[in-house]
Amino acid sequence: MKANRVIALQISGPAPAPGYSFNQLNLGHSTERLLARFGSLVHVGPSGLEKTELWTYAPWPFSFEVREDRVTSIRINDPTIQ
């Protein structure tokens, strides 16, 4: 939080989080489904977690962590906060 505002929301884990899907995508979904839903990613890089990639879709304010061809994290941030 910054100035009493939520600036980012992230869910992480290997299994779906009921009630927290993002645009019909949830934790545990395949990278095939991720690509079908959001199209080609803008950038892929290391996430800081072992054997995990960070997929970003700039200029859109969301990203995904992927491990073993499965979504393990969904993050949405407020692009107006630096």
PDB file of N, CA and C in Angstrom:
ATOM      1  N   MET A   1       0.842  -1.176   0.000  1.00  0.00           N
ATOM      2  CA  MET A   1       0.000   0.000   0.000  1.00  0.00           C
ATOM      3  C   MET A   1       0.885   1.237   0.000  1.00  0.00           C
ATOM      4  N   LYS A   2       0.389   2.245  -0.627  1.00  0.00           N
ATOM      5  CA  LYS A   2       1.076   3.532  -0.655  1.00  0.00           C
ATOM      6  C   LYS A   2       0.001   4.598  -0.546  1.00  0.00           C
ATOM      7  N   ALA A   3       0.157   5.486   0.416  1.00  0.00           N
ATOM      8  CA  ALA A   3      -0.822   6.556   0.639  1.00  0.00           C
ATOM      9  C   ALA A   3      -2.229   5.978   0.782  1.00  0.00           C
ATOM     10  N   ASN A   4      -2.339   4.893   1.539  1.00  0.00           N
ATOM     11  CA  ASN A   4      -3.610   4.219   1.805  1.00  0.00           C
ATOM     12  C   ASN A   4      -4.310   3.713   0.551  1.00  0.00           C
ATOM     13  N   ARG A   5      -3.522   3.367  -0.475  1.00  0.00           N
ATOM     14  CA  ARG A   5      -4.072   2.808  -1.712  1.00  0.00           C
ATOM     15  C   ARG A   5      -3.403   1.485  -2.004  1.00  0.00           C
ATOM     16  N   VAL A   6      -4.146   0.542  -2.496  1.00  0.00           N
ATOM     17  CA  VAL A   6      -3.563  -0.697  -2.979  1.00  0.00           C
ATOM     18  C   VAL A   6      -2.915  -0.381  -4.322  1.00  0.00           C
ATOM     19  N   ILE A   7      -1.634  -0.687  -4.449  1.00  0.00           N
ATOM     20  CA  ILE A   7      -0.937  -0.381  -5.695  1.00  0.00           C
ATOM     21  C   ILE A   7      -0.643  -1.632  -6.519  1.00  0.00           C
ATOM     22  N   ALA A   8      -0.833  -2.803  -5.907  1.00  0.00           N
ATOM     23  CA  ALA A   8      -0.631  -4.052  -6.638  1.00  0.00           C
ATOM     24  C   ALA A   8      -1.396  -5.169  -5.947  1.00  0.00           C
ATOM     25  N   LEU A   9      -1.824  -6.118  -6.746  1.00  0.00           N
ATOM     26  CA  LEU A   9      -2.480  -7.311  -6.240  1.00  0.00           C
ATOM     27  C   LEU A   9      -1.803  -8.486  -6.920  1.00  0.00           C
ATOM     28  N   GLN A  10      -1.381  -9.456  -6.118  1.00  0.00           N
ATOM     29  CA  GLN A  10      -0.718 -10.630  -6.680  1.00  0.00           C
ATOM     30  C   GLN A  10      -1.208 -11.871  -5.968  1.00  0.00           C
ATOM     31  N   ILE A  11      -1.496 -12.892  -6.767  1.00  0.00           N
ATOM     32  CA  ILE A  11      -1.809 -14.203  -6.211  1.00  0.00           C
ATOM     33  C   ILE A  11      -0.759 -15.159  -6.745  1.00  0.00           C
ATOM     34  N   SER A  12      -0.357 -16.083  -5.923  1.00  0.00           N
ATOM     35  CA  SER A  12       0.688 -17.026  -6.306  1.00  0.00           C
ATOM     36  C   SER A  12       0.353 -18.402  -5.777  1.00  0.00           C
ATOM     37  N   GLY A  13       0.812 -19.417  -6.498  1.00  0.00           N
ATOM     38  CA  GLY A  13       0.640 -20.786  -6.062  1.00  0.00           C
ATOM     39  C   GLY A  13       0.479 -21.716  -7.248  1.00  0.00           C
ATOM     40  N   PRO A  14       0.539 -23.012  -7.000  1.00  0.00           N
ATOM     41  CA  PRO A  14       0.462 -23.981  -8.095  1.00  0.00           C
ATOM     42  C   PRO A  14      -0.961 -24.353  -8.522  1.00  0.00           C
ATOM     43  N   ALA A  15      -1.947 -24.035  -7.689  1.00  0.00           N
ATOM     44  CA  ALA A  15      -3.324 -24.461  -7.963  1.00  0.00           C
ATOM     45  C   ALA A  15      -4.252 -23.257  -8.104  1.00  0.00           C
ATOM     46  N   PRO A  16      -5.372 -23.427  -8.804  1.00  0.00           N
ATOM     47  CA  PRO A  16      -6.329 -22.322  -8.972  1.00  0.00           C
ATOM     48  C   PRO A  16      -6.747 -21.709  -7.631  1.00  0.00           C
ATOM     49  N   ALA A  17      -6.961 -20.406  -7.655  1.00  0.00           N
ATOM     50  CA  ALA A  17      -7.443 -19.666  -6.487  1.00  0.00           C
ATOM     51  C   ALA A  17      -8.884 -19.262  -6.776  1.00  0.00           C
ATOM     52  N   PRO A  18      -9.864 -20.008  -6.257  1.00  0.00           N
ATOM     53  CA  PRO A  18     -11.265 -19.695  -6.547  1.00  0.00           C
ATOM     54  C   PRO A  18     -11.602 -18.236  -6.240  1.00  0.00           C
ATOM     55  N   GLY A  19     -12.262 -17.591  -7.198  1.00  0.00           N
ATOM     56  CA  GLY A  19     -12.664 -16.208  -7.027  1.00  0.00           C
ATOM     57  C   GLY A  19     -11.599 -15.192  -7.408  1.00  0.00           C
ATOM     58  N   TYR A  20     -10.418 -15.677  -7.809  1.00  0.00           N
ATOM     59  CA  TYR A  20      -9.337 -14.751  -8.140  1.00  0.00           C
ATOM     60  C   TYR A  20      -8.787 -14.964  -9.546  1.00  0.00           C
ATOM     61  N   SER A  21      -9.599 -15.432 -10.446  1.00  0.00           N
ATOM     62  CA  SER A  21      -9.128 -15.550 -11.825  1.00  0.00           C
ATOM     63  C   SER A  21      -9.019 -14.149 -12.420  1.00  0.00           C
ATOM     64  N   PHE A  22      -8.187 -14.025 -13.441  1.00  0.00           N
ATOM     65  CA  PHE A  22      -8.006 -12.749 -14.123  1.00  0.00           C
ATOM     66  C   PHE A  22      -8.295 -12.968 -15.594  1.00  0.00           C
ATOM     67  N   ASN A  23      -9.382 -12.392 -16.065  1.00  0.00           N
ATOM     68  CA  ASN A  23      -9.763 -12.495 -17.468  1.00  0.00           C
ATOM     69  C   ASN A  23      -9.811 -13.950 -17.934  1.00  0.00           C
ATOM     70  N   GLN A  24     -10.447 -14.780 -17.126  1.00  0.00           N
ATOM     71  CA  GLN A  24     -10.644 -16.206 -17.385  1.00  0.00           C
ATOM     72  C   GLN A  24      -9.348 -17.011 -17.337  1.00  0.00           C
ATOM     73  N   LEU A  25      -8.364 -16.521 -16.613  1.00  0.00           N
ATOM     74  CA  LEU A  25      -7.107 -17.233 -16.428  1.00  0.00           C
ATOM     75  C   LEU A  25      -6.843 -17.337 -14.937  1.00  0.00           C
ATOM     76  N   ASN A  26      -6.405 -18.511 -14.496  1.00  0.00           N
ATOM     77  CA  ASN A  26      -6.174 -18.718 -13.077  1.00  0.00           C
ATOM     78  C   ASN A  26      -4.843 -19.416 -12.875  1.00  0.00           C
ATOM     79  N   LEU A  27      -4.415 -19.468 -11.637  1.00  0.00           N
ATOM     80  CA  LEU A  27      -3.205 -20.204 -11.296  1.00  0.00           C
ATOM     81  C   LEU A  27      -3.363 -21.650 -11.748  1.00  0.00           C
ATOM     82  N   GLY A  28      -2.283 -22.234 -12.226  1.00  0.00           N
ATOM     83  CA  GLY A  28      -2.306 -23.614 -12.672  1.00  0.00           C
ATOM     84  C   GLY A  28      -2.665 -23.796 -14.137  1.00  0.00           C
ATOM     85  N   HIS A  29      -3.205 -22.757 -14.770  1.00  0.00           N
ATOM     86  CA  HIS A  29      -3.528 -22.876 -16.189  1.00  0.00           C
ATOM     87  C   HIS A  29      -2.241 -22.979 -17.005  1.00  0.00           C
ATOM     88  N   SER A  30      -2.353 -23.581 -18.164  1.00  0.00           N
ATOM     89  CA  SER A  30      -1.198 -23.809 -19.030  1.00  0.00           C
ATOM     90  C   SER A  30      -0.756 -22.526 -19.731  1.00  0.00           C
ATOM     91  N   THR A  31       0.494 -22.515 -20.162  1.00  0.00           N
ATOM     92  CA  THR A  31       0.983 -21.380 -20.940  1.00  0.00           C
ATOM     93  C   THR A  31       0.258 -21.320 -22.284  1.00  0.00           C
ATOM     94  N   GLU A  32      -0.185 -22.452 -22.767  1.00  0.00           N
ATOM     95  CA  GLU A  32      -0.969 -22.471 -24.007  1.00  0.00           C
ATOM     96  C   GLU A  32      -2.251 -21.657 -23.831  1.00  0.00           C
ATOM     97  N   ARG A  33      -2.915 -21.853 -22.705  1.00  0.00           N
ATOM     98  CA  ARG A  33      -4.136 -21.097 -22.421  1.00  0.00           C
ATOM     99  C   ARG A  33      -3.829 -19.615 -22.206  1.00  0.00           C
ATOM    100  N   LEU A  34      -2.724 -19.322 -21.524  1.00  0.00           N
ATOM    101  CA  LEU A  34      -2.301 -17.934 -21.311  1.00  0.00           C
ATOM    102  C   LEU A  34      -2.075 -17.232 -22.649  1.00  0.00           C
ATOM    103  N   LEU A  35      -1.355 -17.867 -23.551  1.00  0.00           N
ATOM    104  CA  LEU A  35      -1.094 -17.281 -24.863  1.00  0.00           C
ATOM    105  C   LEU A  35      -2.368 -17.144 -25.689  1.00  0.00           C
ATOM    106  N   ALA A  36      -3.258 -18.108 -25.583  1.00  0.00           N
ATOM    107  CA  ALA A  36      -4.526 -18.039 -26.317  1.00  0.00           C
ATOM    108  C   ALA A  36      -5.372 -16.871 -25.820  1.00  0.00           C
ATOM    109  N   ARG A  37      -5.303 -16.587 -24.526  1.00  0.00           N
ATOM    110  CA  ARG A  37      -6.121 -15.528 -23.934  1.00  0.00           C
ATOM    111  C   ARG A  37      -5.532 -14.134 -24.157  1.00  0.00           C
ATOM    112  N   PHE A  38      -4.191 -14.002 -24.001  1.00  0.00           N
ATOM    113  CA  PHE A  38      -3.562 -12.685 -24.039  1.00  0.00           C
ATOM    114  C   PHE A  38      -2.670 -12.449 -25.259  1.00  0.00           C
ATOM    115  N   GLY A  39      -2.437 -13.450 -26.051  1.00  0.00           N
ATOM    116  CA  GLY A  39      -1.587 -13.293 -27.231  1.00  0.00           C
ATOM    117  C   GLY A  39      -0.113 -13.331 -26.876  1.00  0.00           C
ATOM    118  N   SER A  40       0.690 -12.964 -27.843  1.00  0.00           N
ATOM    119  CA  SER A  40       2.141 -12.989 -27.656  1.00  0.00           C
ATOM    120  C   SER A  40       2.564 -12.051 -26.539  1.00  0.00           C
ATOM    121  N   LEU A  41       3.482 -12.531 -25.719  1.00  0.00           N
ATOM    122  CA  LEU A  41       3.962 -11.701 -24.630  1.00  0.00           C
ATOM    123  C   LEU A  41       4.952 -10.675 -25.145  1.00  0.00           C
ATOM    124  N   VAL A  42       5.119  -9.609 -24.391  1.00  0.00           N
ATOM    125  CA  VAL A  42       6.018  -8.525 -24.771  1.00  0.00           C
ATOM    126  C   VAL A  42       7.445  -8.845 -24.333  1.00  0.00           C
ATOM    127  N   HIS A  43       7.598  -9.408 -23.146  1.00  0.00           N
ATOM    128  CA  HIS A  43       8.929  -9.689 -22.620  1.00  0.00           C
ATOM    129  C   HIS A  43       8.886 -10.919 -21.729  1.00  0.00           C
ATOM    130  N   VAL A  44       9.927 -11.711 -21.801  1.00  0.00           N
ATOM    131  CA  VAL A  44      10.091 -12.829 -20.876  1.00  0.00           C
ATOM    132  C   VAL A  44      11.473 -12.704 -20.254  1.00  0.00           C
ATOM    133  N   GLY A  45      11.521 -12.915 -18.954  1.00  0.00           N
ATOM    134  CA  GLY A  45      12.789 -12.812 -18.240  1.00  0.00           C
ATOM    135  C   GLY A  45      12.722 -13.614 -16.959  1.00  0.00           C
ATOM    136  N   PRO A  46      13.796 -13.612 -16.198  1.00  0.00           N
ATOM    137  CA  PRO A  46      13.789 -14.335 -14.922  1.00  0.00           C
ATOM    138  C   PRO A  46      12.888 -13.639 -13.909  1.00  0.00           C
ATOM    139  N   SER A  47      12.269 -14.418 -13.059  1.00  0.00           N
ATOM    140  CA  SER A  47      11.363 -13.819 -12.076  1.00  0.00           C
ATOM    141  C   SER A  47      12.022 -13.598 -10.727  1.00  0.00           C
ATOM    142  N   GLY A  48      13.156 -14.217 -10.519  1.00  0.00           N
ATOM    143  CA  GLY A  48      13.779 -14.165  -9.201  1.00  0.00           C
ATOM    144  C   GLY A  48      13.544 -15.448  -8.426  1.00  0.00           C
ATOM    145  N   LEU A  49      12.616 -16.273  -8.912  1.00  0.00           N
ATOM    146  CA  LEU A  49      12.363 -17.578  -8.324  1.00  0.00           C
ATOM    147  C   LEU A  49      13.011 -18.645  -9.211  1.00  0.00           C
ATOM    148  N   GLU A  50      13.536 -19.662  -8.602  1.00  0.00           N
ATOM    149  CA  GLU A  50      14.224 -20.721  -9.338  1.00  0.00           C
ATOM    150  C   GLU A  50      13.310 -21.386 -10.370  1.00  0.00           C
ATOM    151  N   LYS A  51      13.831 -21.540 -11.588  1.00  0.00           N
ATOM    152  CA  LYS A  51      13.135 -22.206 -12.689  1.00  0.00           C
ATOM    153  C   LYS A  51      11.798 -21.554 -13.032  1.00  0.00           C
ATOM    154  N   THR A  52      11.684 -20.254 -12.807  1.00  0.00           N
ATOM    155  CA  THR A  52      10.442 -19.514 -13.047  1.00  0.00           C
ATOM    156  C   THR A  52      10.720 -18.321 -13.951  1.00  0.00           C
ATOM    157  N   GLU A  53       9.858 -18.126 -14.940  1.00  0.00           N
ATOM    158  CA  GLU A  53       9.975 -16.986 -15.849  1.00  0.00           C
ATOM    159  C   GLU A  53       8.917 -15.940 -15.518  1.00  0.00           C
ATOM    160  N   LEU A  54       9.244 -14.689 -15.787  1.00  0.00           N
ATOM    161  CA  LEU A  54       8.304 -13.585 -15.638  1.00  0.00           C
ATOM    162  C   LEU A  54       7.865 -13.158 -17.032  1.00  0.00           C
ATOM    163  N   TRP A  55       6.585 -13.277 -17.305  1.00  0.00           N
ATOM    164  CA  TRP A  55       6.015 -12.880 -18.596  1.00  0.00           C
ATOM    165  C   TRP A  55       5.304 -11.550 -18.406  1.00  0.00           C
ATOM    166  N   THR A  56       5.697 -10.544 -19.176  1.00  0.00           N
ATOM    167  CA  THR A  56       5.067  -9.230 -19.059  1.00  0.00           C
ATOM    168  C   THR A  56       4.398  -8.843 -20.369  1.00  0.00           C
ATOM    169  N   TYR A  57       3.393  -8.000 -20.249  1.00  0.00           N
ATOM    170  CA  TYR A  57       2.587  -7.561 -21.382  1.00  0.00           C
ATOM    171  C   TYR A  57       2.511  -6.040 -21.469  1.00  0.00           C
ATOM    172  N   ALA A  58       3.625  -5.363 -21.185  1.00  0.00           N
ATOM    173  CA  ALA A  58       3.652  -3.901 -21.260  1.00  0.00           C
ATOM    174  C   ALA A  58       3.106  -3.435 -22.607  1.00  0.00           C
ATOM    175  N   PRO A  59       2.345  -2.380 -22.646  1.00  0.00           N
ATOM    176  CA  PRO A  59       2.122  -1.375 -21.612  1.00  0.00           C
ATOM    177  C   PRO A  59       1.012  -1.746 -20.628  1.00  0.00           C
ATOM    178  N   TRP A  60       0.438  -2.930 -20.742  1.00  0.00           N
ATOM    179  CA  TRP A  60      -0.633  -3.335 -19.828  1.00  0.00           C
ATOM    180  C   TRP A  60      -0.047  -3.601 -18.448  1.00  0.00           C
ATOM    181  N   PRO A  61      -0.763  -3.279 -17.392  1.00  0.00           N
ATOM    182  CA  PRO A  61      -0.213  -3.362 -16.034  1.00  0.00           C
ATOM    183  C   PRO A  61      -0.379  -4.728 -15.363  1.00  0.00           C
ATOM    184  N   PHE A  62      -0.129  -5.790 -16.117  1.00  0.00           N
ATOM    185  CA  PHE A  62      -0.205  -7.112 -15.511  1.00  0.00           C
ATOM    186  C   PHE A  62       0.944  -7.977 -16.000  1.00  0.00           C
ATOM    187  N   SER A  63       1.266  -8.986 -15.180  1.00  0.00           N
ATOM    188  CA  SER A  63       2.329  -9.919 -15.531  1.00  0.00           C
ATOM    189  C   SER A  63       1.996 -11.275 -14.919  1.00  0.00           C
ATOM    190  N   PHE A  64       2.709 -12.275 -15.397  1.00  0.00           N
ATOM    191  CA  PHE A  64       2.497 -13.648 -14.946  1.00  0.00           C
ATOM    192  C   PHE A  64       3.839 -14.296 -14.688  1.00  0.00           C
ATOM    193  N   GLU A  65       3.896 -15.127 -13.656  1.00  0.00           N
ATOM    194  CA  GLU A  65       5.065 -15.974 -13.463  1.00  0.00           C
ATOM    195  C   GLU A  65       4.679 -17.360 -13.951  1.00  0.00           C
ATOM    196  N   VAL A  66       5.626 -18.000 -14.631  1.00  0.00           N
ATOM    197  CA  VAL A  66       5.375 -19.296 -15.261  1.00  0.00           C
ATOM    198  C   VAL A  66       6.483 -20.263 -14.859  1.00  0.00           C
ATOM    199  N   ARG A  67       6.075 -21.444 -14.454  1.00  0.00           N
ATOM    200  CA  ARG A  67       7.025 -22.510 -14.115  1.00  0.00           C
ATOM    201  C   ARG A  67       6.490 -23.818 -14.676  1.00  0.00           C
ATOM    202  N   GLU A  68       7.350 -24.526 -15.398  1.00  0.00           N
ATOM    203  CA  GLU A  68       6.982 -25.813 -15.985  1.00  0.00           C
ATOM    204  C   GLU A  68       5.713 -25.699 -16.818  1.00  0.00           C
ATOM    205  N   ASP A  69       5.618 -24.635 -17.628  1.00  0.00           N
ATOM    206  CA  ASP A  69       4.497 -24.389 -18.544  1.00  0.00           C
ATOM    207  C   ASP A  69       3.151 -24.199 -17.839  1.00  0.00           C
ATOM    208  N   ARG A  70       3.190 -23.729 -16.596  1.00  0.00           N
ATOM    209  CA  ARG A  70       1.970 -23.443 -15.828  1.00  0.00           C
ATOM    210  C   ARG A  70       2.068 -22.070 -15.187  1.00  0.00           C
ATOM    211  N   VAL A  71       0.951 -21.373 -15.112  1.00  0.00           N
ATOM    212  CA  VAL A  71       0.892 -20.059 -14.449  1.00  0.00           C
ATOM    213  C   VAL A  71       0.981 -20.279 -12.943  1.00  0.00           C
ATOM    214  N   THR A  72       1.963 -19.642 -12.313  1.00  0.00           N
ATOM    215  CA  THR A  72       2.135 -19.779 -10.863  1.00  0.00           C
ATOM    216  C   THR A  72       1.930 -18.457 -10.127  1.00  0.00           C
ATOM    217  N   SER A  73       1.744 -17.364 -10.876  1.00  0.00           N
ATOM    218  CA  SER A  73       1.513 -16.074 -10.245  1.00  0.00           C
ATOM    219  C   SER A  73       0.841 -15.138 -11.250  1.00  0.00           C
ATOM    220  N   ILE A  74      -0.094 -14.356 -10.754  1.00  0.00           N
ATOM    221  CA  ILE A  74      -0.754 -13.317 -11.543  1.00  0.00           C
ATOM    222  C   ILE A  74      -0.612 -12.021 -10.749  1.00  0.00           C
ATOM    223  N   ARG A  75      -0.072 -10.992 -11.392  1.00  0.00           N
ATOM    224  CA  ARG A  75       0.124  -9.708 -10.709  1.00  0.00           C
ATOM    225  C   ARG A  75      -0.496  -8.590 -11.553  1.00  0.00           C
ATOM    226  N   ILE A  76      -1.239  -7.743 -10.886  1.00  0.00           N
ATOM    227  CA  ILE A  76      -1.835  -6.550 -11.511  1.00  0.00           C
ATOM    228  C   ILE A  76      -1.408  -5.369 -10.653  1.00  0.00           C
ATOM    229  N   ASN A  77      -0.865  -4.337 -11.303  1.00  0.00           N
ATOM    230  CA  ASN A  77      -0.416  -3.173 -10.523  1.00  0.00           C
ATOM    231  C   ASN A  77      -1.038  -1.889 -11.080  1.00  0.00           C
ATOM    232  N   ASP A  78      -1.026  -0.872 -10.244  1.00  0.00           N
ATOM    233  CA  ASP A  78      -1.532   0.442 -10.626  1.00  0.00           C
ATOM    234  C   ASP A  78      -0.424   1.159 -11.400  1.00  0.00           C
ATOM    235  N   PRO A  79      -0.590   1.370 -12.691  1.00  0.00           N
ATOM    236  CA  PRO A  79       0.478   1.974 -13.500  1.00  0.00           C
ATOM    237  C   PRO A  79       0.732   3.450 -13.187  1.00  0.00           C
ATOM    238  N   THR A  80      -0.149   4.072 -12.411  1.00  0.00           N
ATOM    239  CA  THR A  80       0.048   5.492 -12.090  1.00  0.00           C
ATOM    240  C   THR A  80       0.993   5.684 -10.909  1.00  0.00           C
ATOM    241  N   ILE A  81       1.324   4.595 -10.213  1.00  0.00           N
ATOM    242  CA  ILE A  81       2.218   4.650  -9.051  1.00  0.00           C
ATOM    243  C   ILE A  81       3.586   4.106  -9.462  1.00  0.00           C
ATOM    244  N   GLN A  82       4.591   4.892  -9.280  1.00  0.00           N
ATOM    245  CA  GLN A  82       5.966   4.468  -9.626  1.00  0.00           C
ATOM    246  C   GLN A  82       6.665   3.880  -8.442  1.00  0.00           C
TER     247      GLN A  82
END
